[in-house]
Every structure is written in C-alpha cells, then in structure tokens.
Amino acid sequence: QVQLVESGGGLVQSGGSLRLSCTASGIIFRNYNMGWFRQAPGKERQFVARITSGGYRNYADSVKGRFTISKDDAKKMVFLQMNSLKPDDTAVYYCNAQYGNQWSGNWGQGTQVTVSS
C-alpha cells in the first residue's frame, strides 16, 4: 500500500516561491502517475498537477505557467515548484499516486502553504 510524505510548505509573501517534495513508498514508483492536490479551508480538495509515468505533465488552469511538477524515479520523489504565488494558493497540499485511472485512497498528512498579501 502506498505511503506518501509531503514536505516543503511554509509561509511566503505574494509573488514568492516554494518547492514542495513528496516521498512515496510501498509502490513500484516508476509505474505510477504522480500528482499534487490542494485543499483550502472550507473547500473541497482540488487537482493541481500530474506527471505520468512517462513524464507527460498536465496542470489545473489556475496554476499553469506558475507551477512545475517533476519527479525523480530513483528517489521515489515528486516535486512541485511553485512560483509567483498568490494568496489564493493558500491551502494544504497533498501528493498522490495514480495507477491506471485510480488515485490512491491513502493520503499523506499534507504540507501547509500560506501566501500572505
């Protein structure tokens, strides 16, 4: 069963940058698509970005051009570089692993990102 541990969140001013990291275990990492999601207070969890096992990337419209997802198969890690951050990006960020069309139901603890105006 996949286990996911996120890190790298923090408090940053509007326009700043952060790099999130996620370490996965319990899976053959290179066979999985990896993604980032976020959940703001009082809102549902939403998709942010995904990188497929083959390296194809797709993003939510709200983060296109500002966020970049990448991965290191050897280290079983996925990253989210976040630039030009806005207060609306404030949320708890989670990574997840997808096999076929199914995302894991086993979420990590997430990492808090707070962007001040």
Protein backbone atom coordinates (compact mmCIF):
# COMPACT_ATOMS: atom_id res chain seq x y z
CA GLN A 1 0.00 0.00 0.00
CA VAL A 2 1.35 3.40 -0.95
CA GLN A 3 2.60 5.73 1.75
CA LEU A 4 3.16 9.39 0.97
CA VAL A 5 5.03 12.04 2.95
CA GLU A 6 4.89 15.68 1.87
CA SER A 7 7.22 18.47 2.94
CA GLY A 8 8.40 21.93 1.97
CA GLY A 9 5.41 24.08 2.82
CA GLY A 10 5.61 27.33 4.70
CA LEU A 11 4.67 30.99 4.87
CA VAL A 12 5.63 33.14 1.90
CA GLN A 13 4.71 36.58 0.62
CA SER A 14 2.68 37.07 -2.52
CA GLY A 15 4.94 36.70 -5.55
CA GLY A 16 7.29 34.37 -3.75
CA SER A 17 8.25 30.76 -4.43
CA LEU A 18 8.22 27.42 -2.67
CA ARG A 19 9.26 23.92 -3.64
CA LEU A 20 7.24 21.03 -2.29
CA SER A 21 8.55 17.48 -2.07
CA CYS A 22 6.80 14.16 -1.67
CA THR A 23 8.37 10.80 -0.96
CA ALA A 24 6.47 7.65 -1.87
CA SER A 25 6.97 4.14 -0.58
CA GLY A 26 5.19 0.82 -0.93
CA ILE A 27 4.85 1.05 -4.71
CA ILE A 28 6.90 0.50 -7.86
CA PHE A 29 7.20 4.23 -8.32
CA ARG A 30 8.13 4.29 -12.00
CA ASN A 31 4.88 2.53 -12.89
CA TYR A 32 2.69 5.21 -11.34
CA ASN A 33 1.49 8.63 -12.35
CA MET A 34 2.04 11.15 -9.55
CA GLY A 35 0.00 14.20 -8.73
CA TRP A 36 -0.46 17.14 -6.43
CA PHE A 37 -3.75 18.27 -4.95
CA ARG A 38 -4.67 21.04 -2.55
CA GLN A 39 -7.42 21.82 -0.09
CA ALA A 40 -8.19 25.32 1.12
CA PRO A 41 -10.18 25.92 4.32
CA GLY A 42 -13.86 25.22 3.77
CA LYS A 43 -13.30 23.93 0.24
CA GLU A 44 -13.04 20.54 -1.40
CA ARG A 45 -9.71 19.04 -2.36
CA GLN A 46 -8.81 20.01 -5.92
CA PHE A 47 -6.39 18.79 -8.55
CA VAL A 48 -3.24 20.88 -9.10
CA ALA A 49 -0.83 18.95 -11.32
CA ARG A 50 0.04 15.49 -12.57
CA ILE A 51 3.08 13.86 -14.12
CA THR A 52 2.64 10.50 -15.81
CA SER A 53 5.00 7.58 -15.57
CA GLY A 54 6.30 8.60 -18.98
CA GLY A 55 6.84 12.22 -17.97
CA TYR A 56 3.80 13.92 -19.52
CA ARG A 57 2.58 16.84 -17.41
CA ASN A 58 -0.79 18.49 -17.02
CA TYR A 59 -1.95 21.30 -14.75
CA ALA A 60 -5.03 22.97 -13.40
CA ASP A 61 -5.73 26.19 -15.29
CA SER A 62 -5.26 28.22 -12.10
CA VAL A 63 -1.58 27.22 -11.81
CA LYS A 64 -0.48 26.91 -15.45
CA GLY A 65 2.66 28.88 -16.15
CA ARG A 66 3.43 29.30 -12.43
CA PHE A 67 3.80 25.73 -11.08
CA THR A 68 6.02 22.94 -12.40
CA ILE A 69 5.75 19.29 -11.44
CA SER A 70 8.75 16.98 -11.70
CA LYS A 71 9.88 13.64 -10.35
CA ASP A 72 12.90 11.52 -9.55
CA ASP A 73 12.13 7.86 -10.14
CA ALA A 74 15.32 6.67 -8.47
CA LYS A 75 14.50 8.51 -5.25
CA LYS A 76 10.75 7.84 -5.50
CA MET A 77 10.05 11.52 -5.13
CA VAL A 78 7.78 14.04 -6.80
CA PHE A 79 8.21 17.80 -6.59
CA LEU A 80 6.11 20.90 -7.12
CA GLN A 81 7.94 24.12 -7.87
CA MET A 82 5.57 26.99 -7.17
CA ASN A 83 6.43 30.46 -8.44
CA SER A 84 4.52 33.75 -8.46
CA LEU A 85 2.46 32.57 -5.53
CA LYS A 86 -0.85 34.26 -4.78
CA PRO A 87 -2.97 34.36 -1.61
CA ASP A 88 -5.48 32.09 -3.42
CA ASP A 89 -2.79 29.39 -3.46
CA THR A 90 -3.06 29.10 0.32
CA ALA A 91 -4.01 25.51 1.12
CA VAL A 92 -2.80 22.19 2.43
CA TYR A 93 -1.00 20.46 -0.42
CA TYR A 94 -1.08 16.70 -0.86
CA CYS A 95 0.60 14.33 -3.28
CA ASN A 96 -0.94 11.12 -4.53
CA ALA A 97 -0.17 8.16 -6.75
CA GLN A 98 -2.31 7.02 -9.66
CA TYR A 99 -2.33 3.55 -11.21
CA GLY A 100 -4.42 3.39 -14.34
CA ASN A 101 -7.30 5.76 -13.64
CA GLN A 102 -7.34 5.18 -9.91
CA TRP A 103 -5.81 7.55 -7.39
CA SER A 104 -4.78 6.05 -4.09
CA GLY A 105 -7.20 6.41 -1.22
CA ASN A 106 -4.25 6.59 1.15
CA TRP A 107 -3.45 10.30 1.56
CA GLY A 108 -0.48 11.69 3.46
CA GLN A 109 -0.65 14.39 6.09
CA GLY A 110 -0.10 17.15 3.56
CA THR A 111 2.01 20.28 3.87
CA GLN A 112 0.62 23.73 4.61
CA VAL A 113 1.28 26.57 2.19
CA THR A 114 0.29 30.05 3.29
CA VAL A 115 0.69 33.04 0.99
CA SER A 116 0.34 36.46 2.56
CA SER A 117 -0.74 39.52 0.60
